[in-house]
Amino acid sequence: VPLDRIMSGLDDMERHYVDAGQGLAP
């Protein structure tokens, strides 16, 4: 799995947490 895909997955996770109104500790 390319590293850029891994990092974009983390960005996607952050977007979903923000949209859901969740804190970012996870």
mmCIF file of all heavy atoms, coordinates in Angstrom:
data_MODEL
# 
_entry.id   MODEL 
# 
loop_
_atom_site.group_PDB 
_atom_site.id 
_atom_site.type_symbol 
_atom_site.label_atom_id 
_atom_site.label_alt_id 
_atom_site.label_comp_id 
_atom_site.label_asym_id 
_atom_site.label_entity_id 
_atom_site.label_seq_id 
_atom_site.pdbx_PDB_ins_code 
_atom_site.Cartn_x 
_atom_site.Cartn_y 
_atom_site.Cartn_z 
_atom_site.occupancy 
_atom_site.B_iso_or_equiv 
_atom_site.pdbx_formal_charge 
_atom_site.auth_seq_id 
_atom_site.auth_comp_id 
_atom_site.auth_asym_id 
_atom_site.auth_atom_id 
_atom_site.pdbx_PDB_model_num 
ATOM 1   N N   . VAL A 1 1  ? 0.847   -1.190 0.000  1.00 0.00 ? 1  VAL A N   1 
ATOM 2   C CA  . VAL A 1 1  ? 0.000   0.000  0.000  1.00 0.00 ? 1  VAL A CA  1 
ATOM 3   C C   . VAL A 1 1  ? 0.888   1.247  0.000  1.00 0.00 ? 1  VAL A C   1 
ATOM 4   O O   . VAL A 1 1  ? 1.714   1.424  0.897  1.00 0.00 ? 1  VAL A O   1 
ATOM 5   C CB  . VAL A 1 1  ? -0.938  0.005  1.221  1.00 0.00 ? 1  VAL A CB  1 
ATOM 6   C CG1 . VAL A 1 1  ? -1.813  1.255  1.209  1.00 0.00 ? 1  VAL A CG1 1 
ATOM 7   C CG2 . VAL A 1 1  ? -1.800  -1.254 1.235  1.00 0.00 ? 1  VAL A CG2 1 
ATOM 8   N N   . PRO A 1 2  ? 0.739   2.139  -0.981 1.00 0.00 ? 2  PRO A N   1 
ATOM 9   C CA  . PRO A 1 2  ? 1.595   3.332  -1.038 1.00 0.00 ? 2  PRO A CA  1 
ATOM 10  C C   . PRO A 1 2  ? 1.385   4.234  0.174  1.00 0.00 ? 2  PRO A C   1 
ATOM 11  O O   . PRO A 1 2  ? 0.281   4.340  0.720  1.00 0.00 ? 2  PRO A O   1 
ATOM 12  C CB  . PRO A 1 2  ? 1.138   4.037  -2.326 1.00 0.00 ? 2  PRO A CB  1 
ATOM 13  C CG  . PRO A 1 2  ? 0.429   2.991  -3.124 1.00 0.00 ? 2  PRO A CG  1 
ATOM 14  C CD  . PRO A 1 2  ? -0.197  2.062  -2.124 1.00 0.00 ? 2  PRO A CD  1 
ATOM 15  N N   . LEU A 1 3  ? 2.454   4.917  0.571  1.00 0.00 ? 3  LEU A N   1 
ATOM 16  C CA  . LEU A 1 3  ? 2.389   5.784  1.743  1.00 0.00 ? 3  LEU A CA  1 
ATOM 17  C C   . LEU A 1 3  ? 1.397   6.921  1.537  1.00 0.00 ? 3  LEU A C   1 
ATOM 18  O O   . LEU A 1 3  ? 0.698   7.309  2.479  1.00 0.00 ? 3  LEU A O   1 
ATOM 19  C CB  . LEU A 1 3  ? 3.778   6.346  2.059  1.00 0.00 ? 3  LEU A CB  1 
ATOM 20  C CG  . LEU A 1 3  ? 3.887   7.246  3.298  1.00 0.00 ? 3  LEU A CG  1 
ATOM 21  C CD1 . LEU A 1 3  ? 3.429   6.512  4.557  1.00 0.00 ? 3  LEU A CD1 1 
ATOM 22  C CD2 . LEU A 1 3  ? 5.319   7.743  3.459  1.00 0.00 ? 3  LEU A CD2 1 
ATOM 23  N N   . ASP A 1 4  ? 1.316   7.462  0.324  1.00 0.00 ? 4  ASP A N   1 
ATOM 24  C CA  . ASP A 1 4  ? 0.385   8.575  0.119  1.00 0.00 ? 4  ASP A CA  1 
ATOM 25  C C   . ASP A 1 4  ? -1.066  8.138  0.310  1.00 0.00 ? 4  ASP A C   1 
ATOM 26  O O   . ASP A 1 4  ? -1.905  8.914  0.777  1.00 0.00 ? 4  ASP A O   1 
ATOM 27  C CB  . ASP A 1 4  ? 0.580   9.228  -1.257 1.00 0.00 ? 4  ASP A CB  1 
ATOM 28  C CG  . ASP A 1 4  ? 0.406   8.250  -2.414 1.00 0.00 ? 4  ASP A CG  1 
ATOM 29  O OD1 . ASP A 1 4  ? 0.249   7.038  -2.172 1.00 0.00 ? 4  ASP A OD1 1 
ATOM 30  O OD2 . ASP A 1 4  ? 0.440   8.704  -3.576 1.00 0.00 ? 4  ASP A OD2 1 
ATOM 31  N N   . ARG A 1 5  ? -1.364  6.879  0.014  1.00 0.00 ? 5  ARG A N   1 
ATOM 32  C CA  . ARG A 1 5  ? -2.716  6.372  0.259  1.00 0.00 ? 5  ARG A CA  1 
ATOM 33  C C   . ARG A 1 5  ? -2.976  6.262  1.769  1.00 0.00 ? 5  ARG A C   1 
ATOM 34  O O   . ARG A 1 5  ? -4.075  6.551  2.242  1.00 0.00 ? 5  ARG A O   1 
ATOM 35  C CB  . ARG A 1 5  ? -2.913  5.016  -0.407 1.00 0.00 ? 5  ARG A CB  1 
ATOM 36  C CG  . ARG A 1 5  ? -4.297  4.435  -0.153 1.00 0.00 ? 5  ARG A CG  1 
ATOM 37  C CD  . ARG A 1 5  ? -4.508  3.108  -0.837 1.00 0.00 ? 5  ARG A CD  1 
ATOM 38  N NE  . ARG A 1 5  ? -5.757  2.485  -0.410 1.00 0.00 ? 5  ARG A NE  1 
ATOM 39  C CZ  . ARG A 1 5  ? -6.162  1.276  -0.779 1.00 0.00 ? 5  ARG A CZ  1 
ATOM 40  N NH1 . ARG A 1 5  ? -5.420  0.552  -1.599 1.00 0.00 ? 5  ARG A NH1 1 
ATOM 41  N NH2 . ARG A 1 5  ? -7.307  0.793  -0.341 1.00 0.00 ? 5  ARG A NH2 1 
ATOM 42  N N   . ILE A 1 6  ? -1.954  5.841  2.503  1.00 0.00 ? 6  ILE A N   1 
ATOM 43  C CA  . ILE A 1 6  ? -2.111  5.755  3.956  1.00 0.00 ? 6  ILE A CA  1 
ATOM 44  C C   . ILE A 1 6  ? -2.385  7.130  4.547  1.00 0.00 ? 6  ILE A C   1 
ATOM 45  O O   . ILE A 1 6  ? -3.293  7.312  5.376  1.00 0.00 ? 6  ILE A O   1 
ATOM 46  C CB  . ILE A 1 6  ? -0.845  5.138  4.578  1.00 0.00 ? 6  ILE A CB  1 
ATOM 47  C CG1 . ILE A 1 6  ? -0.666  3.693  4.101  1.00 0.00 ? 6  ILE A CG1 1 
ATOM 48  C CG2 . ILE A 1 6  ? -0.904  5.191  6.097  1.00 0.00 ? 6  ILE A CG2 1 
ATOM 49  C CD1 . ILE A 1 6  ? 0.659   3.066  4.500  1.00 0.00 ? 6  ILE A CD1 1 
ATOM 50  N N   . MET A 1 7  ? -1.619  8.134  4.119  1.00 0.00 ? 7  MET A N   1 
ATOM 51  C CA  . MET A 1 7  ? -1.794  9.472  4.665  1.00 0.00 ? 7  MET A CA  1 
ATOM 52  C C   . MET A 1 7  ? -3.134  10.066 4.247  1.00 0.00 ? 7  MET A C   1 
ATOM 53  O O   . MET A 1 7  ? -3.783  10.765 5.040  1.00 0.00 ? 7  MET A O   1 
ATOM 54  C CB  . MET A 1 7  ? -0.640  10.375 4.219  1.00 0.00 ? 7  MET A CB  1 
ATOM 55  C CG  . MET A 1 7  ? 0.747   9.861  4.608  1.00 0.00 ? 7  MET A CG  1 
ATOM 56  S SD  . MET A 1 7  ? 0.908   9.321  6.341  1.00 0.00 ? 7  MET A SD  1 
ATOM 57  C CE  . MET A 1 7  ? 0.700   10.882 7.193  1.00 0.00 ? 7  MET A CE  1 
ATOM 58  N N   . SER A 1 8  ? -3.572  9.802  3.036  1.00 0.00 ? 8  SER A N   1 
ATOM 59  C CA  . SER A 1 8  ? -4.878  10.307 2.618  1.00 0.00 ? 8  SER A CA  1 
ATOM 60  C C   . SER A 1 8  ? -5.997  9.630  3.393  1.00 0.00 ? 8  SER A C   1 
ATOM 61  O O   . SER A 1 8  ? -7.043  10.240 3.671  1.00 0.00 ? 8  SER A O   1 
ATOM 62  C CB  . SER A 1 8  ? -5.078  10.118 1.110  1.00 0.00 ? 8  SER A CB  1 
ATOM 63  O OG  . SER A 1 8  ? -5.175  8.741  0.770  1.00 0.00 ? 8  SER A OG  1 
ATOM 64  N N   . GLY A 1 9  ? -5.776  8.363  3.787  1.00 0.00 ? 9  GLY A N   1 
ATOM 65  C CA  . GLY A 1 9  ? -6.749  7.675  4.621  1.00 0.00 ? 9  GLY A CA  1 
ATOM 66  C C   . GLY A 1 9  ? -6.888  8.347  5.980  1.00 0.00 ? 9  GLY A C   1 
ATOM 67  O O   . GLY A 1 9  ? -7.994  8.464  6.520  1.00 0.00 ? 9  GLY A O   1 
ATOM 68  N N   . LEU A 1 10 ? -5.763  8.807  6.546  1.00 0.00 ? 10 LEU A N   1 
ATOM 69  C CA  . LEU A 1 10 ? -5.821  9.537  7.814  1.00 0.00 ? 10 LEU A CA  1 
ATOM 70  C C   . LEU A 1 10 ? -6.560  10.862 7.653  1.00 0.00 ? 10 LEU A C   1 
ATOM 71  O O   . LEU A 1 10 ? -7.349  11.261 8.520  1.00 0.00 ? 10 LEU A O   1 
ATOM 72  C CB  . LEU A 1 10 ? -4.410  9.785  8.333  1.00 0.00 ? 10 LEU A CB  1 
ATOM 73  C CG  . LEU A 1 10 ? -3.675  8.569  8.892  1.00 0.00 ? 10 LEU A CG  1 
ATOM 74  C CD1 . LEU A 1 10 ? -2.188  8.869  9.047  1.00 0.00 ? 10 LEU A CD1 1 
ATOM 75  C CD2 . LEU A 1 10 ? -4.271  8.144  10.231 1.00 0.00 ? 10 LEU A CD2 1 
ATOM 76  N N   . ASP A 1 11 ? -6.319  11.543 6.532  1.00 0.00 ? 11 ASP A N   1 
ATOM 77  C CA  . ASP A 1 11 ? -7.038  12.795 6.274  1.00 0.00 ? 11 ASP A CA  1 
ATOM 78  C C   . ASP A 1 11 ? -8.537  12.537 6.140  1.00 0.00 ? 11 ASP A C   1 
ATOM 79  O O   . ASP A 1 11 ? -9.364  13.315 6.629  1.00 0.00 ? 11 ASP A O   1 
ATOM 80  C CB  . ASP A 1 11 ? -6.504  13.459 5.010  1.00 0.00 ? 11 ASP A CB  1 
ATOM 81  C CG  . ASP A 1 11 ? -5.072  13.950 5.159  1.00 0.00 ? 11 ASP A CG  1 
ATOM 82  O OD1 . ASP A 1 11 ? -4.609  14.133 6.306  1.00 0.00 ? 11 ASP A OD1 1 
ATOM 83  O OD2 . ASP A 1 11 ? -4.399  14.140 4.117  1.00 0.00 ? 11 ASP A OD2 1 
ATOM 84  N N   . ASP A 1 12 ? -8.881  11.455 5.464  1.00 0.00 ? 12 ASP A N   1 
ATOM 85  C CA  . ASP A 1 12 ? -10.290 11.089 5.299  1.00 0.00 ? 12 ASP A CA  1 
ATOM 86  C C   . ASP A 1 12 ? -10.921 10.786 6.652  1.00 0.00 ? 12 ASP A C   1 
ATOM 87  O O   . ASP A 1 12 ? -12.061 11.181 6.937  1.00 0.00 ? 12 ASP A O   1 
ATOM 88  C CB  . ASP A 1 12 ? -10.400 9.876  4.370  1.00 0.00 ? 12 ASP A CB  1 
ATOM 89  C CG  . ASP A 1 12 ? -11.812 9.660  3.864  1.00 0.00 ? 12 ASP A CG  1 
ATOM 90  O OD1 . ASP A 1 12 ? -12.538 10.657 3.684  1.00 0.00 ? 12 ASP A OD1 1 
ATOM 91  O OD2 . ASP A 1 12 ? -12.189 8.494  3.631  1.00 0.00 ? 12 ASP A OD2 1 
ATOM 92  N N   . MET A 1 13 ? -10.193 10.075 7.498  1.00 0.00 ? 13 MET A N   1 
ATOM 93  C CA  . MET A 1 13 ? -10.678 9.792  8.848  1.00 0.00 ? 13 MET A CA  1 
ATOM 94  C C   . MET A 1 13 ? -10.950 11.095 9.597  1.00 0.00 ? 13 MET A C   1 
ATOM 95  O O   . MET A 1 13 ? -12.008 11.243 10.240 1.00 0.00 ? 13 MET A O   1 
ATOM 96  C CB  . MET A 1 13 ? -9.635  8.959  9.592  1.00 0.00 ? 13 MET A CB  1 
ATOM 97  C CG  . MET A 1 13 ? -9.985  8.645  11.037 1.00 0.00 ? 13 MET A CG  1 
ATOM 98  S SD  . MET A 1 13 ? -8.627  7.744  11.856 1.00 0.00 ? 13 MET A SD  1 
ATOM 99  C CE  . MET A 1 13 ? -9.325  7.503  13.501 1.00 0.00 ? 13 MET A CE  1 
ATOM 100 N N   . GLU A 1 14 ? -10.022 12.041 9.518  1.00 0.00 ? 14 GLU A N   1 
ATOM 101 C CA  . GLU A 1 14 ? -10.207 13.299 10.223 1.00 0.00 ? 14 GLU A CA  1 
ATOM 102 C C   . GLU A 1 14 ? -11.436 14.043 9.716  1.00 0.00 ? 14 GLU A C   1 
ATOM 103 O O   . GLU A 1 14 ? -12.223 14.592 10.512 1.00 0.00 ? 14 GLU A O   1 
ATOM 104 C CB  . GLU A 1 14 ? -8.960  14.180 10.084 1.00 0.00 ? 14 GLU A CB  1 
ATOM 105 C CG  . GLU A 1 14 ? -9.062  15.480 10.848 1.00 0.00 ? 14 GLU A CG  1 
ATOM 106 C CD  . GLU A 1 14 ? -7.729  16.212 10.963 1.00 0.00 ? 14 GLU A CD  1 
ATOM 107 O OE1 . GLU A 1 14 ? -6.670  15.581 10.746 1.00 0.00 ? 14 GLU A OE1 1 
ATOM 108 O OE2 . GLU A 1 14 ? -7.753  17.417 11.291 1.00 0.00 ? 14 GLU A OE2 1 
ATOM 109 N N   . ARG A 1 15 ? -11.649 14.062 8.408  1.00 0.00 ? 15 ARG A N   1 
ATOM 110 C CA  . ARG A 1 15 ? -12.821 14.733 7.851  1.00 0.00 ? 15 ARG A CA  1 
ATOM 111 C C   . ARG A 1 15 ? -14.113 14.119 8.381  1.00 0.00 ? 15 ARG A C   1 
ATOM 112 O O   . ARG A 1 15 ? -15.050 14.836 8.761  1.00 0.00 ? 15 ARG A O   1 
ATOM 113 C CB  . ARG A 1 15 ? -12.801 14.653 6.325  1.00 0.00 ? 15 ARG A CB  1 
ATOM 114 C CG  . ARG A 1 15 ? -11.836 15.625 5.651  1.00 0.00 ? 15 ARG A CG  1 
ATOM 115 C CD  . ARG A 1 15 ? -12.097 15.724 4.165  1.00 0.00 ? 15 ARG A CD  1 
ATOM 116 N NE  . ARG A 1 15 ? -11.874 14.445 3.487  1.00 0.00 ? 15 ARG A NE  1 
ATOM 117 C CZ  . ARG A 1 15 ? -10.699 14.055 3.008  1.00 0.00 ? 15 ARG A CZ  1 
ATOM 118 N NH1 . ARG A 1 15 ? -9.632  14.833 3.150  1.00 0.00 ? 15 ARG A NH1 1 
ATOM 119 N NH2 . ARG A 1 15 ? -10.574 12.891 2.390  1.00 0.00 ? 15 ARG A NH2 1 
ATOM 120 N N   . HIS A 1 16 ? -14.160 12.786 8.422  1.00 0.00 ? 16 HIS A N   1 
ATOM 121 C CA  . HIS A 1 16 ? -15.363 12.126 8.896  1.00 0.00 ? 16 HIS A CA  1 
ATOM 122 C C   . HIS A 1 16 ? -15.601 12.415 10.381 1.00 0.00 ? 16 HIS A C   1 
ATOM 123 O O   . HIS A 1 16 ? -16.749 12.600 10.814 1.00 0.00 ? 16 HIS A O   1 
ATOM 124 C CB  . HIS A 1 16 ? -15.278 10.621 8.660  1.00 0.00 ? 16 HIS A CB  1 
ATOM 125 C CG  . HIS A 1 16 ? -15.649 10.205 7.263  1.00 0.00 ? 16 HIS A CG  1 
ATOM 126 N ND1 . HIS A 1 16 ? -14.766 10.256 6.215  1.00 0.00 ? 16 HIS A ND1 1 
ATOM 127 C CD2 . HIS A 1 16 ? -16.822 9.748  6.751  1.00 0.00 ? 16 HIS A CD2 1 
ATOM 128 C CE1 . HIS A 1 16 ? -15.354 9.833  5.124  1.00 0.00 ? 16 HIS A CE1 1 
ATOM 129 N NE2 . HIS A 1 16 ? -16.606 9.518  5.416  1.00 0.00 ? 16 HIS A NE2 1 
ATOM 130 N N   . TYR A 1 17 ? -14.548 12.465 11.170 1.00 0.00 ? 17 TYR A N   1 
ATOM 131 C CA  . TYR A 1 17 ? -14.710 12.764 12.596 1.00 0.00 ? 17 TYR A CA  1 
ATOM 132 C C   . TYR A 1 17 ? -15.187 14.198 12.797 1.00 0.00 ? 17 TYR A C   1 
ATOM 133 O O   . TYR A 1 17 ? -16.064 14.462 13.644 1.00 0.00 ? 17 TYR A O   1 
ATOM 134 C CB  . TYR A 1 17 ? -13.393 12.530 13.335 1.00 0.00 ? 17 TYR A CB  1 
ATOM 135 C CG  . TYR A 1 17 ? -13.212 11.120 13.832 1.00 0.00 ? 17 TYR A CG  1 
ATOM 136 C CD1 . TYR A 1 17 ? -13.219 10.032 12.964 1.00 0.00 ? 17 TYR A CD1 1 
ATOM 137 C CD2 . TYR A 1 17 ? -13.028 10.855 15.181 1.00 0.00 ? 17 TYR A CD2 1 
ATOM 138 C CE1 . TYR A 1 17 ? -13.051 8.731  13.422 1.00 0.00 ? 17 TYR A CE1 1 
ATOM 139 C CE2 . TYR A 1 17 ? -12.855 9.557  15.660 1.00 0.00 ? 17 TYR A CE2 1 
ATOM 140 C CZ  . TYR A 1 17 ? -12.870 8.502  14.761 1.00 0.00 ? 17 TYR A CZ  1 
ATOM 141 O OH  . TYR A 1 17 ? -12.713 7.222  15.223 1.00 0.00 ? 17 TYR A OH  1 
ATOM 142 N N   . VAL A 1 18 ? -14.623 15.126 12.045 1.00 0.00 ? 18 VAL A N   1 
ATOM 143 C CA  . VAL A 1 18 ? -15.054 16.521 12.155 1.00 0.00 ? 18 VAL A CA  1 
ATOM 144 C C   . VAL A 1 18 ? -16.516 16.655 11.738 1.00 0.00 ? 18 VAL A C   1 
ATOM 145 O O   . VAL A 1 18 ? -17.325 17.297 12.427 1.00 0.00 ? 18 VAL A O   1 
ATOM 146 C CB  . VAL A 1 18 ? -14.150 17.434 11.307 1.00 0.00 ? 18 VAL A CB  1 
ATOM 147 C CG1 . VAL A 1 18 ? -14.733 18.836 11.215 1.00 0.00 ? 18 VAL A CG1 1 
ATOM 148 C CG2 . VAL A 1 18 ? -12.743 17.493 11.905 1.00 0.00 ? 18 VAL A CG2 1 
ATOM 149 N N   . ASP A 1 19 ? -16.875 16.045 10.617 1.00 0.00 ? 19 ASP A N   1 
ATOM 150 C CA  . ASP A 1 19 ? -18.257 16.131 10.137 1.00 0.00 ? 19 ASP A CA  1 
ATOM 151 C C   . ASP A 1 19 ? -19.244 15.536 11.136 1.00 0.00 ? 19 ASP A C   1 
ATOM 152 O O   . ASP A 1 19 ? -20.391 15.981 11.239 1.00 0.00 ? 19 ASP A O   1 
ATOM 153 C CB  . ASP A 1 19 ? -18.398 15.409 8.793  1.00 0.00 ? 19 ASP A CB  1 
ATOM 154 C CG  . ASP A 1 19 ? -17.693 16.138 7.655  1.00 0.00 ? 19 ASP A CG  1 
ATOM 155 O OD1 . ASP A 1 19 ? -17.338 17.324 7.852  1.00 0.00 ? 19 ASP A OD1 1 
ATOM 156 O OD2 . ASP A 1 19 ? -17.490 15.525 6.594  1.00 0.00 ? 19 ASP A OD2 1 
ATOM 157 N N   . ALA A 1 20 ? -18.793 14.501 11.876 1.00 0.00 ? 20 ALA A N   1 
ATOM 158 C CA  . ALA A 1 20 ? -19.660 13.858 12.863 1.00 0.00 ? 20 ALA A CA  1 
ATOM 159 C C   . ALA A 1 20 ? -19.628 14.561 14.212 1.00 0.00 ? 20 ALA A C   1 
ATOM 160 O O   . ALA A 1 20 ? -20.304 14.126 15.156 1.00 0.00 ? 20 ALA A O   1 
ATOM 161 C CB  . ALA A 1 20 ? -19.256 12.392 13.029 1.00 0.00 ? 20 ALA A CB  1 
ATOM 162 N N   . GLY A 1 21 ? -18.850 15.657 14.323 1.00 0.00 ? 21 GLY A N   1 
ATOM 163 C CA  . GLY A 1 21 ? -18.776 16.394 15.574 1.00 0.00 ? 21 GLY A CA  1 
ATOM 164 C C   . GLY A 1 21 ? -18.006 15.673 16.659 1.00 0.00 ? 21 GLY A C   1 
ATOM 165 O O   . GLY A 1 21 ? -18.241 15.913 17.850 1.00 0.00 ? 21 GLY A O   1 
ATOM 166 N N   . GLN A 1 22 ? -17.074 14.815 16.266 1.00 0.00 ? 22 GLN A N   1 
ATOM 167 C CA  . GLN A 1 22 ? -16.309 14.029 17.231 1.00 0.00 ? 22 GLN A CA  1 
ATOM 168 C C   . GLN A 1 22 ? -14.956 14.676 17.527 1.00 0.00 ? 22 GLN A C   1 
ATOM 169 O O   . GLN A 1 22 ? -14.356 15.320 16.667 1.00 0.00 ? 22 GLN A O   1 
ATOM 170 C CB  . GLN A 1 22 ? -16.074 12.609 16.689 1.00 0.00 ? 22 GLN A CB  1 
ATOM 171 C CG  . GLN A 1 22 ? -17.338 11.807 16.497 1.00 0.00 ? 22 GLN A CG  1 
ATOM 172 C CD  . GLN A 1 22 ? -18.012 11.463 17.817 1.00 0.00 ? 22 GLN A CD  1 
ATOM 173 O OE1 . GLN A 1 22 ? -17.357 11.299 18.843 1.00 0.00 ? 22 GLN A OE1 1 
ATOM 174 N NE2 . GLN A 1 22 ? -19.331 11.334 17.784 1.00 0.00 ? 22 GLN A NE2 1 
ATOM 175 N N   . GLY A 1 23 ? -14.471 14.478 18.749 1.00 0.00 ? 23 GLY A N   1 
ATOM 176 C CA  . GLY A 1 23 ? -13.132 14.932 19.093 1.00 0.00 ? 23 GLY A CA  1 
ATOM 177 C C   . GLY A 1 23 ? -12.074 14.179 18.312 1.00 0.00 ? 23 GLY A C   1 
ATOM 178 O O   . GLY A 1 23 ? -12.308 13.059 17.819 1.00 0.00 ? 23 GLY A O   1 
ATOM 179 N N   . LEU A 1 24 ? -10.884 14.762 18.212 1.00 0.00 ? 24 LEU A N   1 
ATOM 180 C CA  . LEU A 1 24 ? -9.866  14.231 17.302 1.00 0.00 ? 24 LEU A CA  1 
ATOM 181 C C   . LEU A 1 24 ? -8.807  13.377 17.986 1.00 0.00 ? 24 LEU A C   1 
ATOM 182 O O   . LEU A 1 24 ? -7.840  12.966 17.332 1.00 0.00 ? 24 LEU A O   1 
ATOM 183 C CB  . LEU A 1 24 ? -9.184  15.384 16.559 1.00 0.00 ? 24 LEU A CB  1 
ATOM 184 C CG  . LEU A 1 24 ? -10.073 16.146 15.578 1.00 0.00 ? 24 LEU A CG  1 
ATOM 185 C CD1 . LEU A 1 24 ? -9.270  17.237 14.878 1.00 0.00 ? 24 LEU A CD1 1 
ATOM 186 C CD2 . LEU A 1 24 ? -10.699 15.215 14.549 1.00 0.00 ? 24 LEU A CD2 1 
ATOM 187 N N   . ALA A 1 25 ? -8.954  13.074 19.264 1.00 0.00 ? 25 ALA A N   1 
ATOM 188 C CA  . ALA A 1 25 ? -7.939  12.251 19.924 1.00 0.00 ? 25 ALA A CA  1 
ATOM 189 C C   . ALA A 1 25 ? -7.714  10.913 19.205 1.00 0.00 ? 25 ALA A C   1 
ATOM 190 O O   . ALA A 1 25 ? -6.554  10.497 19.030 1.00 0.00 ? 25 ALA A O   1 
ATOM 191 C CB  . ALA A 1 25 ? -8.312  12.011 21.389 1.00 0.00 ? 25 ALA A CB  1 
ATOM 192 N N   . PRO A 1 26 ? -8.759  10.192 18.764 1.00 0.00 ? 26 PRO A N   1 
ATOM 193 C CA  . PRO A 1 26 ? -8.507  8.934  18.039 1.00 0.00 ? 26 PRO A CA  1 
ATOM 194 C C   . PRO A 1 26 ? -7.753  9.150  16.727 1.00 0.00 ? 26 PRO A C   1 
ATOM 195 O O   . PRO A 1 26 ? -6.957  8.302  16.326 1.00 0.00 ? 26 PRO A O   1 
ATOM 196 C CB  . PRO A 1 26 ? -9.906  8.381  17.792 1.00 0.00 ? 26 PRO A CB  1 
ATOM 197 C CG  . PRO A 1 26 ? -10.764 9.005  18.856 1.00 0.00 ? 26 PRO A CG  1 
ATOM 198 C CD  . PRO A 1 26 ? -10.205 10.382 19.018 1.00 0.00 ? 26 PRO A CD  1 
# 
